[in-house]
Protein backbone atom coordinates (compact mmCIF):
# COMPACT_ATOMS: atom_id res chain seq x y z
CA MET A 1 0.00 0.00 0.00
CA SER A 2 1.22 3.49 -0.68
CA VAL A 3 0.11 6.80 0.71
CA VAL A 4 -1.32 9.34 -1.72
CA SER A 5 1.43 11.79 -2.59
CA ALA A 6 1.01 15.56 -2.44
CA GLU A 7 1.36 15.59 -6.23
CA GLN A 8 -1.50 13.11 -6.66
CA VAL A 9 -3.72 15.07 -4.28
CA ALA A 10 -2.95 18.35 -6.07
CA HIS A 11 -3.70 16.67 -9.40
CA SER A 12 -7.06 15.39 -8.13
CA GLY A 13 -8.14 18.93 -7.21
CA GLU A 14 -9.63 17.67 -3.94
CA THR A 15 -9.19 19.15 -0.49
CA SER A 16 -10.17 17.84 2.92
CA ASP A 17 -13.77 18.66 3.67
CA ALA A 18 -15.38 19.80 6.90
CA VAL A 19 -16.56 16.28 7.72
CA GLY A 20 -13.01 15.28 8.62
CA TRP A 21 -12.05 12.81 5.92
CA GLU A 22 -8.44 11.71 5.49
CA ARG A 23 -6.96 10.54 2.19
CA VAL A 24 -5.31 7.22 2.91
CA CYS A 25 -4.27 5.55 -0.35
CA LEU A 26 -5.27 4.87 -3.92
CA LEU A 27 -7.89 2.15 -4.40
CA ARG A 28 -5.54 0.36 -6.80
CA ASP A 29 -3.02 0.03 -3.94
CA LEU A 30 -5.42 -2.24 -2.05
CA LEU A 31 -5.67 -5.86 -3.15
CA VAL A 32 -9.15 -7.37 -3.25
CA GLU A 33 -9.93 -9.35 -0.08
CA ARG A 34 -6.57 -8.51 1.48
CA GLY A 35 -5.98 -6.17 4.39
CA ALA A 36 -3.69 -3.18 4.69
CA ALA A 37 -2.81 -1.13 7.76
CA ALA A 38 -2.83 2.67 7.99
CA LEU A 39 -2.89 5.46 10.56
CA VAL A 40 -6.05 7.56 10.67
CA GLY A 41 -6.27 10.28 13.27
CA GLY A 42 -3.33 8.70 15.07
CA VAL A 43 -5.08 5.32 15.37
CA GLN A 44 -4.02 2.14 13.57
CA VAL A 45 -6.77 0.85 11.29
CA ALA A 46 -7.16 -2.08 8.92
CA LEU A 47 -8.57 -1.45 5.44
CA PHE A 48 -10.21 -4.17 3.34
CA ARG A 49 -11.10 -3.81 -0.33
CA LEU A 50 -14.09 -5.98 -1.22
CA PRO A 51 -14.82 -7.50 -4.66
CA ASP A 52 -17.30 -4.68 -5.44
CA ASP A 53 -14.50 -2.11 -4.82
CA THR A 54 -16.03 -0.83 -1.58
CA VAL A 55 -13.61 -0.42 1.30
CA ARG A 56 -14.33 -1.38 4.91
CA VAL A 57 -12.25 -0.02 7.77
CA VAL A 58 -11.95 -1.50 11.26
CA GLN A 59 -9.56 -1.08 14.17
CA GLN A 60 -6.20 -2.76 13.70
CA ARG A 61 -6.08 -3.96 17.33
CA ASP A 62 -7.43 -7.49 17.77
CA PRO A 63 -9.55 -7.38 20.94
CA TYR A 64 -8.88 -11.04 21.70
CA SER A 65 -5.07 -10.97 21.53
CA GLY A 66 -4.38 -7.26 22.03
CA ALA A 67 -2.03 -7.29 19.02
CA ASN A 68 -2.31 -4.88 16.08
CA VAL A 69 -2.90 -7.56 13.45
CA MET A 70 -6.43 -7.32 12.04
CA SER A 71 -5.16 -6.31 8.58
CA ARG A 72 -3.66 -9.81 8.39
CA GLY A 73 -7.05 -11.44 8.92
CA ILE A 74 -8.85 -13.73 6.51
CA VAL A 75 -11.67 -12.09 4.53
CA GLY A 76 -14.80 -14.11 3.88
CA THR A 77 -18.59 -13.94 4.14
CA ARG A 78 -21.34 -15.26 6.38
CA GLY A 79 -24.80 -15.23 4.90
CA GLY A 80 -23.65 -12.72 2.29
CA VAL A 81 -22.15 -10.40 4.94
CA PRO A 82 -18.45 -9.54 4.45
CA THR A 83 -16.37 -10.73 7.40
CA VAL A 84 -12.80 -10.91 8.64
CA ALA A 85 -11.41 -13.65 10.85
CA GLY A 86 -8.77 -12.49 13.30
CA PRO A 87 -5.37 -13.97 12.47
CA MET A 88 -4.55 -14.98 16.05
CA TYR A 89 -7.53 -16.93 17.43
CA LYS A 90 -9.91 -16.83 14.42
CA GLN A 91 -12.78 -14.76 15.86
CA VAL A 92 -15.09 -13.70 13.03
CA PHE A 93 -16.19 -10.06 12.72
CA ASP A 94 -18.77 -8.36 10.50
CA LEU A 95 -16.76 -5.87 8.40
CA ALA A 96 -19.68 -3.41 8.15
CA THR A 97 -20.59 -3.20 11.85
CA GLY A 98 -17.50 -4.61 13.60
CA ARG A 99 -19.71 -6.98 15.58
CA CYS A 100 -18.05 -10.20 16.71
CA LEU A 101 -20.04 -13.03 15.12
CA GLU A 102 -17.96 -15.91 16.53
CA ALA A 103 -15.77 -15.64 19.63
CA ALA A 104 -14.28 -19.13 19.10
CA GLY A 105 -14.39 -19.82 22.85
CA TYR A 106 -12.19 -16.85 23.82
CA VAL A 107 -12.85 -13.66 25.76
CA PRO A 108 -11.40 -10.24 24.89
CA VAL A 109 -8.25 -8.96 26.55
CA GLN A 110 -9.16 -7.13 29.75
CA GLY A 111 -10.36 -3.62 28.99
CA LEU A 112 -11.20 -4.28 25.32
CA ALA A 113 -14.69 -4.61 23.86
CA PRO A 114 -15.48 -7.82 21.96
CA ASP A 115 -16.44 -5.89 18.81
CA LEU A 116 -14.25 -3.89 16.43
CA ALA A 117 -14.62 -0.15 15.98
CA THR A 118 -15.40 0.81 12.38
CA TRP A 119 -14.67 3.93 10.36
CA PRO A 120 -16.67 5.34 7.46
CA ALA A 121 -14.86 5.01 4.11
CA GLU A 122 -15.48 6.37 0.63
CA VAL A 123 -13.73 5.94 -2.68
CA ARG A 124 -13.68 9.18 -4.68
CA ASP A 125 -11.98 9.29 -8.06
CA GLY A 126 -9.88 6.27 -7.18
CA VAL A 127 -8.72 7.66 -3.81
CA VAL A 128 -9.72 6.00 -0.53
CA HIS A 129 -10.95 8.49 2.10
CA VAL A 130 -11.53 7.42 5.69
CA GLY A 131 -13.47 9.35 8.31
CA ALA A 132 -11.16 10.87 10.92
CA ARG A 133 -13.26 9.37 13.72
CA PRO A 134 -14.71 5.90 14.24
CA ALA A 135 -18.42 5.34 13.74
CA ALA A 136 -20.54 5.51 16.88
CA GLY A 137 -20.75 2.40 19.00
CA VAL A 138 -17.48 0.74 19.88
CA GLU A 139 -14.79 2.79 21.59
CA VAL A 140 -11.22 2.23 20.43
CA ALA A 141 -9.15 1.12 23.41
CA GLY A 142 -5.50 2.04 23.48
CA GLY A 143 -5.71 4.75 20.82
CA ALA A 144 -2.71 4.56 18.54
CA ALA A 145 -1.11 1.65 20.39
């Protein structure tokens, strides 16, 4: 994955809007059904490009191991819902809501919620933009850790 260069941003004619979107990378830099890590608002996030070229963004920190590894998870589906399985203990999370669908017999690390925080994402003119703040619901523990 590469970060969008100042030259590319200037060429696109776009500027950050009042909503608080951050340019993260070019869509073509993300492989379909593979994760990539990035920093958004000082927090590590995992981005996943789906087959329909939408991008889902969740926290990078795995709540069941405490490690920043979610971008290494396995992308799949459950009942047509895009999911990611954590690479450590294989918990399954809904990529749209962050909800843990299968805890695989484990409990989260003390102080972490069982679900993943999610961020809004948009693809505009081939550039992936991520909301500077997570969607309401799950609080991100540990910030940029």
